């Protein structure tokens, strides 16, 4: 794992992290000035710009444009970004980061260790709504500024997930002085960062326009302007692509995907394993789901293969675990639960659930990367539940209302958990399986899962951490607290105007537009 530059500190880079993640060096600054404009049509548009207020992986699309982390994600994996090198000492409980001296915020202020300290302390604060705050709280004891370009993390325990999880090391860094001057509201209105693009203008709920940062520390982007535009109807997105009104479109599934595949003038790129999905149960509202027979019955009664093939057109594949084959901690060979409606009805009868049992189920009305074609997929699952004998009350919500509902603990009796960028098993456990998880509203209490999560936090050696995470995967396969649904990939359809496009690996939201190049 080569660092961007040789570490100036005394201890060598920890060998465990060499095995944990491969980092790639950035190319030198580009000489050509940015030119041209790119239009990207999206099924869902988020206009949240403060990285310490992240609500879900979808917000990463904006952060990637505006802010850098100590580590960034590219087409070849994670690479040193604002931290050009680091040293790990004290048995993994101290990390010293050397910061880049040529990195500046969009207002011209130079990056400093004070900015890094300020950002991570905001994440730790209860004042923010950071969706993944607990992982930081569990690991960070304090942060010290050693010099303007030297920041030290003192940890409660080794934190190898910092280098394997998008949500940790890739936390976008805020400008301390500017943020304190304008406040959270002012920053949301006029965000700045060290990223490759600046926010140019937006129309709330419709589009966001970005402008190239010509003084970006790693070299200016090749494209001058990028616009994210909300276009909810999939065939409208495709029509825009055909007419030259859009250069890249997302949210491609079903008949639309088949039509695009048949068009020789359109290219499709695929980001593998960018999402994973499982079913969850609110045991306070649906106490019968505490019985494994009920969960197993529901798993047997969902036509996962049929949905994957017919509704998702192969963009998602049936899953055997919440961990994908690209997740750190994945365990190969776990069995899948086959569709068997007769078995499902038999198990429900044995558990005392009679036909006509009423359940509530969430229908997300918008598609997104972790579950393409979500409305049709979730309606199909609701139909499968009815075929088992349930009476299903559907609760339809758009993305904003859905996030508010889930974060506010207003869960349906049966609901799904979409995880975008599921690159680290420990973070997946923290988000969905520990007793303090906001996603499950604290009603999933499995002491073994809490213990596994804490053990993997303290595992300095990556091989040991993998073994611990695989123990969770094996336990969950046996307990089936949340039956797995799909592992999803993200397709991008490109017009002939796009010459070079290399989205980041394992994430639908790290599109890596700095390297996008238009044909002449």
Protein backbone atom coordinates (compact mmCIF):
# COMPACT_ATOMS: atom_id res chain seq x y z
CA UNK A 1 0.00 0.00 0.00
CA UNK A 2 2.15 2.90 -1.15
CA UNK A 3 1.58 6.25 0.54
CA UNK A 4 1.43 9.34 -1.62
CA UNK A 5 4.80 10.31 -0.11
CA UNK A 6 7.17 8.82 2.39
CA UNK A 7 6.04 9.28 5.96
CA UNK A 8 8.11 11.86 7.87
CA UNK A 9 7.33 10.19 11.19
CA UNK A 10 9.49 7.65 12.97
CA UNK A 11 7.35 4.49 12.84
CA UNK A 12 6.67 2.73 9.53
CA UNK A 13 3.18 2.30 8.11
CA UNK A 14 1.43 -0.50 10.01
CA UNK A 15 1.73 -3.82 8.13
CA UNK A 16 -1.88 -4.71 8.97
CA UNK A 17 -3.16 -1.83 6.88
CA UNK A 18 -1.06 -2.91 3.94
CA UNK A 19 -3.23 -6.01 3.78
CA UNK A 20 -6.42 -4.19 4.66
CA UNK A 21 -6.70 -1.77 1.76
CA UNK A 22 -4.79 -0.84 -1.37
CA UNK A 23 -4.31 2.88 -1.87
CA UNK A 24 -3.43 4.34 -5.25
CA UNK A 25 -1.41 7.45 -5.93
CA UNK A 26 -3.00 10.37 -7.70
CA UNK A 27 -1.86 11.60 -11.04
CA UNK A 28 -0.20 14.96 -11.25
CA UNK A 29 -2.09 18.20 -11.83
CA UNK A 30 -3.74 18.52 -15.22
CA UNK A 31 -2.47 21.31 -17.46
CA UNK A 32 -5.58 21.78 -19.61
CA UNK A 33 -8.24 24.15 -18.36
CA UNK A 34 -11.70 22.72 -17.60
CA UNK A 35 -14.17 22.98 -20.46
CA UNK A 36 -17.68 21.88 -21.37
CA UNK A 37 -20.70 20.98 -19.29
CA UNK A 38 -22.11 17.65 -18.20
CA UNK A 39 -25.76 16.99 -17.36
CA UNK A 40 -26.52 14.01 -15.10
CA UNK A 41 -30.17 12.93 -14.76
CA UNK A 42 -30.90 11.28 -11.41
CA UNK A 43 -33.95 9.49 -9.97
CA UNK A 44 -33.30 11.08 -6.57
CA UNK A 45 -31.76 14.47 -5.80
CA UNK A 46 -30.33 15.39 -2.41
CA UNK A 47 -29.21 18.95 -1.69
CA UNK A 48 -27.51 18.44 1.66
CA UNK A 49 -23.95 19.85 1.70
CA UNK A 50 -22.72 19.66 5.31
CA UNK A 51 -20.73 16.40 5.68
CA UNK A 52 -21.13 16.44 9.45
CA UNK A 53 -24.91 16.21 8.96
CA UNK A 54 -24.90 13.17 6.66
CA UNK A 55 -28.19 11.22 6.72
CA UNK A 56 -27.32 8.45 4.28
CA UNK A 57 -24.85 7.35 1.62
CA UNK A 58 -26.76 9.25 -1.07
CA UNK A 59 -25.42 12.52 0.38
CA UNK A 60 -21.90 11.42 -0.61
CA UNK A 61 -22.56 12.55 -4.19
CA UNK A 62 -22.45 16.18 -3.09
CA UNK A 63 -19.64 15.74 -0.57
CA UNK A 64 -17.42 14.11 -3.19
CA UNK A 65 -17.81 17.20 -5.35
CA UNK A 66 -17.24 19.79 -2.63
CA UNK A 67 -15.07 18.21 0.06
CA UNK A 68 -12.17 15.80 0.41
CA UNK A 69 -11.54 13.39 3.24
CA UNK A 70 -8.21 12.41 4.67
CA UNK A 71 -8.74 9.48 2.29
CA UNK A 72 -10.71 9.55 -0.97
CA UNK A 73 -12.26 6.81 -3.10
CA UNK A 74 -11.50 6.35 -6.78
CA UNK A 75 -11.88 3.74 -9.53
CA UNK A 76 -8.92 1.75 -8.18
CA UNK A 77 -9.84 1.96 -4.50
CA UNK A 78 -9.02 4.27 -1.61
CA UNK A 79 -6.08 6.66 -1.89
CA UNK A 80 -4.38 9.34 0.27
CA UNK A 81 -6.20 12.65 -0.15
CA UNK A 82 -5.88 15.49 2.37
CA UNK A 83 -3.63 13.17 4.38
CA UNK A 84 -0.60 12.57 2.18
CA UNK A 85 0.81 10.04 4.67
CA UNK A 86 0.26 8.65 8.16
CA UNK A 87 1.93 6.65 10.89
CA UNK A 88 0.26 4.21 13.28
CA UNK A 89 1.79 3.59 16.72
CA UNK A 90 0.88 2.51 20.26
CA UNK A 91 -0.50 -0.84 19.10
CA UNK A 92 -2.89 0.86 16.72
CA UNK A 93 -4.24 3.43 19.18
CA UNK A 94 -2.48 6.48 17.77
CA UNK A 95 -2.58 7.70 14.16
CA UNK A 96 -0.52 10.71 13.06
CA UNK A 97 -1.61 12.26 9.78
CA UNK A 98 0.64 14.50 7.68
CA UNK A 99 -1.56 16.91 5.72
CA UNK A 100 -1.02 18.27 2.23
CA UNK A 101 0.38 21.78 2.23
CA UNK A 102 -1.02 22.66 -1.19
CA UNK A 103 -4.68 21.95 -0.33
CA UNK A 104 -6.88 25.04 -0.07
CA UNK A 105 -10.55 25.66 0.56
CA UNK A 106 -12.65 27.28 -2.14
CA UNK A 107 -12.30 30.69 -0.47
CA UNK A 108 -8.49 30.47 -0.60
CA UNK A 109 -7.89 29.54 3.05
CA UNK A 110 -5.22 26.83 3.43
CA UNK A 111 -6.14 23.48 4.94
CA UNK A 112 -4.80 23.00 8.47
CA UNK A 113 -4.88 20.44 11.27
CA UNK A 114 -7.35 22.73 13.07
CA UNK A 115 -9.88 22.08 10.30
CA UNK A 116 -9.52 18.30 10.68
CA UNK A 117 -9.87 18.51 14.47
CA UNK A 118 -12.91 20.79 14.18
CA UNK A 119 -14.63 18.48 11.67
CA UNK A 120 -14.22 15.28 13.65
CA UNK A 121 -15.19 16.98 16.90
CA UNK A 122 -18.41 18.15 15.22
CA UNK A 123 -19.10 14.56 14.18
CA UNK A 124 -18.58 13.45 17.79
CA UNK A 125 -20.89 16.17 19.10
CA UNK A 126 -24.52 15.40 19.85
CA UNK A 127 -25.39 18.68 18.11
CA UNK A 128 -25.07 17.09 14.68
CA UNK A 129 -27.31 14.54 13.05
CA UNK A 130 -24.47 12.45 11.62
CA UNK A 131 -26.01 9.09 10.71
CA UNK A 132 -22.85 7.14 11.51
CA UNK A 133 -21.76 9.08 14.61
CA UNK A 134 -21.64 6.04 16.91
CA UNK A 135 -18.71 4.50 15.03
CA UNK A 136 -16.65 7.65 15.70
CA UNK A 137 -17.74 7.85 19.35
CA UNK A 138 -16.75 4.23 19.92
CA UNK A 139 -13.26 4.80 18.57
CA UNK A 140 -11.97 8.36 19.13
CA UNK A 141 -10.74 9.49 22.54
CA UNK A 142 -9.42 12.88 21.41
CA UNK A 143 -7.78 14.72 18.52
CA UNK A 144 -4.65 16.83 18.94
CA UNK A 145 -3.14 19.49 16.68
CA UNK A 146 0.63 18.92 16.66
CA UNK A 147 1.47 21.41 13.89
CA UNK A 148 -0.44 23.15 11.08
CA UNK A 149 0.11 20.10 8.87
CA UNK A 150 0.16 17.41 11.58
CA UNK A 151 -2.95 16.08 13.35
CA UNK A 152 -2.97 13.20 15.85
CA UNK A 153 -5.87 10.87 16.61
CA UNK A 154 -5.75 9.26 20.06
CA UNK A 155 -8.04 6.23 19.99
CA UNK A 156 -9.86 4.18 22.61
CA UNK A 157 -8.91 1.06 20.67
CA UNK A 158 -7.34 0.26 17.29
CA UNK A 159 -9.49 1.56 14.45
CA UNK A 160 -8.65 -0.39 11.29
CA UNK A 161 -12.12 0.35 9.86
CA UNK A 162 -10.94 3.95 9.39
CA UNK A 163 -9.02 2.71 6.35
CA UNK A 164 -11.60 0.23 5.03
CA UNK A 165 -14.88 2.15 5.39
CA UNK A 166 -16.05 4.96 3.15
CA UNK A 167 -17.93 6.54 6.05
CA UNK A 168 -14.90 6.97 8.33
CA UNK A 169 -11.62 8.00 6.70
CA UNK A 170 -13.53 9.67 3.89
CA UNK A 171 -15.34 12.07 6.20
CA UNK A 172 -15.41 15.43 4.37
CA UNK A 173 -13.31 18.11 6.05
CA UNK A 174 -14.87 21.48 6.91
CA UNK A 175 -13.15 24.91 7.00
CA UNK A 176 -13.18 25.76 10.72
CA UNK A 177 -12.92 29.56 10.48
CA UNK A 178 -15.54 29.89 7.74
CA UNK A 179 -17.97 27.44 9.37
CA UNK A 180 -17.76 29.19 12.74
CA UNK A 181 -18.37 32.53 11.04
CA UNK A 182 -21.45 31.53 8.99
CA UNK A 183 -22.85 28.73 11.20
CA UNK A 184 -24.55 25.49 10.08
CA UNK A 185 -27.36 27.28 8.23
CA UNK A 186 -24.97 29.61 6.42
CA UNK A 187 -22.73 26.74 5.46
CA UNK A 188 -25.64 24.76 4.04
CA UNK A 189 -26.55 27.78 1.92
CA UNK A 190 -22.98 28.53 0.76
CA UNK A 191 -20.82 25.44 1.34
CA UNK A 192 -17.10 25.42 0.60
CA UNK A 193 -14.51 22.67 0.84
CA UNK A 194 -11.22 21.60 -0.69
CA UNK A 195 -12.98 19.46 -3.34
CA UNK A 196 -12.63 19.44 -7.14
CA UNK A 197 -15.86 21.39 -7.66
CA UNK A 198 -17.58 24.42 -6.13
CA UNK A 199 -21.32 24.92 -5.69
CA UNK A 200 -22.42 27.34 -8.42
CA UNK A 201 -26.21 27.50 -8.04
CA UNK A 202 -29.26 25.36 -7.41
CA UNK A 203 -33.01 25.24 -7.64
CA UNK A 204 -34.43 23.52 -4.60
CA UNK A 205 -35.75 20.06 -5.40
CA UNK A 206 -34.93 20.33 -9.13
CA UNK A 207 -31.22 20.71 -9.91
CA UNK A 208 -27.77 21.47 -8.50
CA UNK A 209 -24.98 23.00 -10.58
CA UNK A 210 -21.28 22.71 -9.78
CA UNK A 211 -18.31 24.61 -11.20
CA UNK A 212 -14.77 23.23 -11.56
CA UNK A 213 -12.22 24.23 -8.92
CA UNK A 214 -9.35 25.26 -11.19
CA UNK A 215 -6.96 25.36 -8.22
CA UNK A 216 -7.74 21.86 -6.95
CA UNK A 217 -4.69 20.40 -5.20
CA UNK A 218 -4.70 17.23 -7.35
CA UNK A 219 -5.26 19.05 -10.64
CA UNK A 220 -8.31 20.78 -12.08
CA UNK A 221 -11.22 18.68 -13.36
CA UNK A 222 -11.45 18.25 -17.12
CA UNK A 223 -15.09 19.44 -17.22
CA UNK A 224 -16.00 23.02 -16.31
CA UNK A 225 -19.59 22.52 -15.11
CA UNK A 226 -21.66 19.59 -13.83
CA UNK A 227 -25.41 19.66 -13.23
CA UNK A 228 -27.32 17.06 -11.19
CA UNK A 229 -30.97 17.14 -12.32
CA UNK A 230 -33.89 15.36 -10.71
CA UNK A 231 -35.83 13.39 -13.33
CA UNK A 232 -37.99 10.85 -11.54
CA UNK A 233 -39.56 9.12 -14.55
CA UNK A 234 -37.04 6.59 -15.98
CA UNK A 235 -38.07 6.79 -19.64
CA UNK A 236 -37.89 10.58 -19.45
CA UNK A 237 -34.27 10.23 -18.34
CA UNK A 238 -33.62 7.96 -21.31
CA UNK A 239 -35.33 10.37 -23.72
CA UNK A 240 -33.05 13.13 -22.43
CA UNK A 241 -30.04 10.93 -23.13
CA UNK A 242 -31.21 10.20 -26.69
CA UNK A 243 -31.92 13.88 -27.38
CA UNK A 244 -28.55 14.98 -26.05
CA UNK A 245 -30.10 16.79 -23.07
CA UNK A 246 -28.33 14.47 -20.59
CA UNK A 247 -24.88 12.90 -20.81
CA UNK A 248 -25.21 10.35 -17.98
CA UNK A 249 -28.34 8.81 -16.49
CA UNK A 250 -28.85 6.61 -13.43
CA UNK A 251 -31.66 4.45 -12.08
CA UNK A 252 -31.71 1.90 -14.90
CA UNK A 253 -33.74 -1.26 -14.41
CA UNK A 254 -36.44 -3.40 -16.00
CA UNK A 255 -37.73 -2.53 -19.50
CA UNK A 256 -35.66 0.67 -19.58
CA UNK A 257 -32.42 -1.22 -19.04
CA UNK A 258 -33.29 -3.73 -21.74
CA UNK A 259 -34.04 -0.90 -24.17
CA UNK A 260 -30.73 0.79 -23.39
CA UNK A 261 -28.82 -2.46 -23.82
CA UNK A 262 -30.28 -2.76 -27.32
CA UNK A 263 -29.11 0.74 -28.30
CA UNK A 264 -25.61 0.56 -29.86
CA UNK A 265 -25.15 4.32 -29.47
CA UNK A 266 -25.34 4.17 -25.67
CA UNK A 267 -22.68 2.73 -23.37
CA UNK A 268 -23.38 1.10 -20.01
CA UNK A 269 -20.87 1.05 -17.16
CA UNK A 270 -21.44 -0.97 -14.01
CA UNK A 271 -20.23 -0.38 -10.46
CA UNK A 272 -20.30 -3.78 -8.77
CA UNK A 273 -21.68 -4.40 -5.27
CA UNK A 274 -22.65 -0.81 -4.54
CA UNK A 275 -25.63 -1.82 -2.40
CA UNK A 276 -27.09 -4.57 -0.24
CA UNK A 277 -30.63 -5.06 1.07
CA UNK A 278 -32.29 -7.02 3.86
CA UNK A 279 -35.71 -7.12 5.52
CA UNK A 280 -36.13 -5.82 9.06
CA UNK A 281 -38.92 -6.24 11.62
CA UNK A 282 -40.16 -3.90 14.32
CA UNK A 283 -40.54 -6.36 17.16
CA UNK A 284 -42.43 -3.89 19.32
CA UNK A 285 -45.22 -3.59 16.71
CA UNK A 286 -44.83 -7.09 15.27
CA UNK A 287 -43.82 -9.20 18.30
CA UNK A 288 -44.42 -12.44 16.41
CA UNK A 289 -41.31 -11.64 14.34
CA UNK A 290 -39.18 -12.46 17.38
CA UNK A 291 -39.90 -16.09 16.47
CA UNK A 292 -37.29 -17.31 13.98
CA UNK A 293 -39.96 -19.43 12.26
CA UNK A 294 -41.80 -16.26 11.25
CA UNK A 295 -38.65 -14.66 9.81
CA UNK A 296 -37.72 -17.88 8.02
CA UNK A 297 -41.26 -18.17 6.63
CA UNK A 298 -41.11 -14.69 5.19
CA UNK A 299 -37.69 -15.41 3.67
CA UNK A 300 -39.09 -18.56 2.03
CA UNK A 301 -42.11 -16.65 0.71
CA UNK A 302 -40.32 -13.88 -1.22
CA UNK A 303 -39.58 -14.53 -4.89
CA UNK A 304 -36.08 -13.05 -4.75
CA UNK A 305 -34.85 -14.74 -7.94
CA UNK A 306 -37.90 -13.73 -9.93
CA UNK A 307 -37.68 -10.12 -8.75
CA UNK A 308 -33.94 -9.99 -9.50
CA UNK A 309 -34.40 -11.34 -13.02
CA UNK A 310 -37.68 -9.77 -14.12
CA UNK A 311 -37.95 -6.46 -12.25
CA UNK A 312 -34.26 -5.68 -11.79
CA UNK A 313 -32.99 -7.21 -15.05
CA UNK A 314 -29.95 -8.71 -13.39
CA UNK A 315 -28.70 -5.41 -11.94
CA UNK A 316 -29.23 -6.98 -8.50
CA UNK A 317 -28.53 -10.59 -7.59
CA UNK A 318 -30.03 -12.70 -4.79
CA UNK A 319 -28.06 -12.32 -1.57
CA UNK A 320 -26.99 -14.87 1.02
CA UNK A 321 -25.77 -12.32 3.58
CA UNK A 322 -25.91 -8.59 4.37
CA UNK A 323 -22.20 -8.57 3.42
CA UNK A 324 -21.50 -8.52 -0.32
CA UNK A 325 -18.52 -10.29 -1.91
CA UNK A 326 -16.81 -6.88 -1.94
CA UNK A 327 -17.44 -6.20 1.78
CA UNK A 328 -14.51 -6.36 4.19
CA UNK A 329 -15.43 -9.43 6.27
CA UNK A 330 -17.45 -11.30 3.63
CA UNK A 331 -17.87 -15.05 4.21
CA UNK A 332 -18.28 -17.18 1.11
CA UNK A 333 -20.46 -20.30 0.98
CA UNK A 334 -23.37 -19.24 3.17
CA UNK A 335 -26.64 -20.90 2.05
CA UNK A 336 -29.43 -19.00 0.36
CA UNK A 337 -33.03 -19.53 1.42
CA UNK A 338 -35.02 -20.85 -1.55
CA UNK A 339 -38.52 -19.74 -2.48
CA UNK A 340 -41.04 -22.23 -1.06
CA UNK A 341 -44.54 -20.84 -0.49
CA UNK A 342 -45.89 -24.07 1.01
CA UNK A 343 -43.02 -24.11 3.54
CA UNK A 344 -43.65 -20.44 4.34
CA UNK A 345 -47.33 -21.08 5.12
CA UNK A 346 -46.47 -24.15 7.18
CA UNK A 347 -43.95 -22.21 9.32
CA UNK A 348 -46.40 -19.36 9.88
CA UNK A 349 -49.05 -21.85 10.99
CA UNK A 350 -46.59 -23.50 13.39
CA UNK A 351 -45.77 -20.06 14.82
CA UNK A 352 -49.46 -19.36 15.44
CA UNK A 353 -49.95 -16.77 12.69
CA UNK A 354 -53.23 -17.33 10.88
CA UNK A 355 -54.21 -16.05 7.41
CA UNK A 356 -55.49 -12.48 7.64
CA UNK A 357 -52.77 -11.31 10.05
CA UNK A 358 -52.33 -7.57 9.45
CA UNK A 359 -48.90 -6.02 8.93
CA UNK A 360 -47.67 -2.60 7.81
CA UNK A 361 -45.02 -2.39 5.08
CA UNK A 362 -43.10 0.56 3.66
CA UNK A 363 -43.18 1.36 -0.06
CA UNK A 364 -40.42 3.75 -1.10
CA UNK A 365 -41.77 5.74 -4.06
CA UNK A 366 -38.36 6.63 -5.50
CA UNK A 367 -35.50 4.51 -6.78
CA UNK A 368 -31.94 4.84 -5.53
CA UNK A 369 -28.62 3.04 -5.85
CA UNK A 370 -28.94 0.47 -3.08
CA UNK A 371 -32.29 -0.67 -4.50
CA UNK A 372 -32.90 0.26 -8.15
CA UNK A 373 -36.54 0.22 -9.25
CA UNK A 374 -37.48 0.34 -5.57
CA UNK A 375 -41.23 1.06 -6.00
CA UNK A 376 -41.79 -2.01 -8.19
CA UNK A 377 -39.51 -4.24 -6.10
CA UNK A 378 -41.21 -3.32 -2.84
CA UNK A 379 -44.68 -3.70 -4.34
CA UNK A 380 -43.68 -7.19 -5.49
CA UNK A 381 -42.52 -8.03 -1.95
CA UNK A 382 -45.81 -6.72 -0.55
CA UNK A 383 -47.62 -9.02 -2.99
CA UNK A 384 -45.49 -11.95 -1.83
CA UNK A 385 -46.45 -11.19 1.78
CA UNK A 386 -50.11 -11.26 0.77
CA UNK A 387 -49.61 -14.61 -0.97
CA UNK A 388 -48.36 -15.98 2.36
CA UNK A 389 -51.64 -14.93 4.00
CA UNK A 390 -50.79 -11.50 5.44
CA UNK A 391 -53.06 -8.50 5.02
CA UNK A 392 -50.60 -5.76 4.05
CA UNK A 393 -51.15 -2.08 4.77
CA UNK A 394 -48.78 -0.22 2.45
CA UNK A 395 -47.13 2.99 3.68
CA UNK A 396 -45.89 4.94 0.65
CA UNK A 397 -43.25 7.62 1.22
CA UNK A 398 -40.83 9.62 -0.90
CA UNK A 399 -37.12 9.79 0.01
CA UNK A 400 -37.35 12.76 2.37
CA UNK A 401 -40.39 11.48 4.26
CA UNK A 402 -38.89 7.99 4.33
CA UNK A 403 -35.64 9.21 5.93
CA UNK A 404 -37.56 11.28 8.49
CA UNK A 405 -39.78 8.31 9.31
CA UNK A 406 -36.86 5.92 9.79
CA UNK A 407 -34.66 8.35 11.73
CA UNK A 408 -37.65 9.27 13.89
CA UNK A 409 -38.32 5.67 14.90
CA UNK A 410 -41.70 5.43 13.13
CA UNK A 411 -40.95 2.05 11.59
CA UNK A 412 -43.53 -0.14 9.87
CA UNK A 413 -43.92 -3.69 11.16
CA UNK A 414 -41.91 -5.00 8.19
CA UNK A 415 -39.45 -2.80 6.32
CA UNK A 416 -36.29 -3.06 4.29
CA UNK A 417 -32.78 -1.87 5.02
CA UNK A 418 -30.88 -0.57 2.00
CA UNK A 419 -27.17 -0.10 2.60
CA UNK A 420 -25.27 1.86 -0.04
CA UNK A 421 -21.49 1.50 -0.31
CA UNK A 422 -21.39 -1.58 1.97
CA UNK A 423 -17.60 -1.79 1.91
CA UNK A 424 -16.97 -2.58 5.59
CA UNK A 425 -18.75 -5.27 7.61
CA UNK A 426 -18.21 -3.52 10.91
CA UNK A 427 -20.04 -0.44 9.70
CA UNK A 428 -22.91 -2.58 8.38
CA UNK A 429 -23.24 -4.20 11.83
CA UNK A 430 -23.12 -0.78 13.50
CA UNK A 431 -25.82 0.61 11.21
CA UNK A 432 -28.31 -2.26 11.41
CA UNK A 433 -27.53 -4.96 13.99
CA UNK A 434 -26.30 -3.51 17.28
CA UNK A 435 -28.77 -2.83 20.06
CA UNK A 436 -28.27 0.95 19.77
CA UNK A 437 -28.93 1.09 16.03
CA UNK A 438 -31.25 3.93 15.05
CA UNK A 439 -32.34 2.01 11.97
CA UNK A 440 -33.89 -0.79 14.02
CA UNK A 441 -35.11 1.67 16.66
CA UNK A 442 -33.30 -0.32 19.36
CA UNK A 443 -35.72 -3.26 19.12
CA UNK A 444 -33.09 -5.73 17.87
CA UNK A 445 -31.16 -6.85 20.92
CA UNK A 446 -28.69 -9.67 20.27
CA UNK A 447 -25.84 -9.57 22.83
CA UNK A 448 -23.59 -11.62 20.55
CA UNK A 449 -23.90 -8.97 17.83
CA UNK A 450 -22.99 -6.14 20.21
CA UNK A 451 -19.99 -8.16 21.39
CA UNK A 452 -18.81 -8.96 17.86
CA UNK A 453 -19.02 -5.29 16.94
CA UNK A 454 -16.90 -4.27 19.93
CA UNK A 455 -14.37 -7.03 19.32
CA UNK A 456 -13.79 -6.08 15.68
CA UNK A 457 -13.26 -2.46 16.73
CA UNK A 458 -10.29 -3.54 18.82
CA UNK A 459 -8.76 -5.89 16.25
CA UNK A 460 -5.47 -4.36 15.12
CA UNK A 461 -4.65 -7.22 12.77
CA UNK A 462 -6.87 -7.24 9.63
CA UNK A 463 -6.93 -11.04 9.39
CA UNK A 464 -8.23 -11.21 12.95
CA UNK A 465 -10.82 -8.55 12.20
CA UNK A 466 -11.99 -10.49 9.14
CA UNK A 467 -12.42 -13.63 11.26
CA UNK A 468 -14.52 -11.70 13.78
CA UNK A 469 -16.72 -10.19 11.07
CA UNK A 470 -17.15 -13.60 9.46
CA UNK A 471 -18.31 -14.94 12.81
CA UNK A 472 -21.11 -12.37 12.68
CA UNK A 473 -21.96 -13.43 9.11
CA UNK A 474 -22.20 -17.05 10.23
CA UNK A 475 -24.32 -16.13 13.28
CA UNK A 476 -26.70 -14.02 11.21
CA UNK A 477 -27.07 -16.80 8.65
CA UNK A 478 -28.22 -19.07 11.48
CA UNK A 479 -30.38 -16.58 13.41
CA UNK A 480 -31.81 -14.80 10.35
CA UNK A 481 -32.67 -11.65 12.27
CA UNK A 482 -32.89 -9.79 8.93
CA UNK A 483 -33.43 -12.04 5.88
CA UNK A 484 -31.15 -10.99 3.00
CA UNK A 485 -32.69 -9.81 -0.26
CA UNK A 486 -30.30 -8.49 -2.92
CA UNK A 487 -26.76 -7.45 -3.70
CA UNK A 488 -27.06 -4.58 -6.17
CA UNK A 489 -24.82 -3.04 -8.81
CA UNK A 490 -25.13 0.45 -10.24
CA UNK A 491 -25.44 0.92 -14.01
CA UNK A 492 -24.63 4.22 -15.68
CA UNK A 493 -25.79 4.94 -19.24
CA UNK A 494 -23.50 7.30 -21.15
CA UNK A 495 -24.01 9.37 -24.28
CA UNK A 496 -21.43 9.51 -27.06
CA UNK A 497 -20.27 12.90 -25.71
CA UNK A 498 -18.59 11.14 -22.77
CA UNK A 499 -15.07 10.08 -23.72
CA UNK A 500 -13.73 8.92 -20.35
CA UNK A 501 -15.72 8.01 -17.24
CA UNK A 502 -14.37 5.96 -14.34
CA UNK A 503 -16.75 5.86 -11.35
CA UNK A 504 -15.37 4.77 -8.01
CA UNK A 505 -15.55 1.14 -6.92
CA UNK A 506 -18.30 -0.28 -4.67
CA UNK A 507 -20.22 3.00 -4.47
CA UNK A 508 -22.97 4.48 -6.60
CA UNK A 509 -22.44 7.90 -5.07
CA UNK A 510 -18.70 8.40 -5.60
CA UNK A 511 -18.99 9.13 -9.30
CA UNK A 512 -15.45 10.53 -9.58
CA UNK A 513 -16.32 13.35 -11.96
CA UNK A 514 -12.91 15.01 -11.62
CA UNK A 515 -11.59 12.56 -14.21
CA UNK A 516 -14.61 12.65 -16.52
CA UNK A 517 -13.64 13.83 -20.00
CA UNK A 518 -15.83 14.85 -22.93
CA UNK A 519 -15.16 13.95 -26.55
CA UNK A 520 -14.00 16.82 -28.75
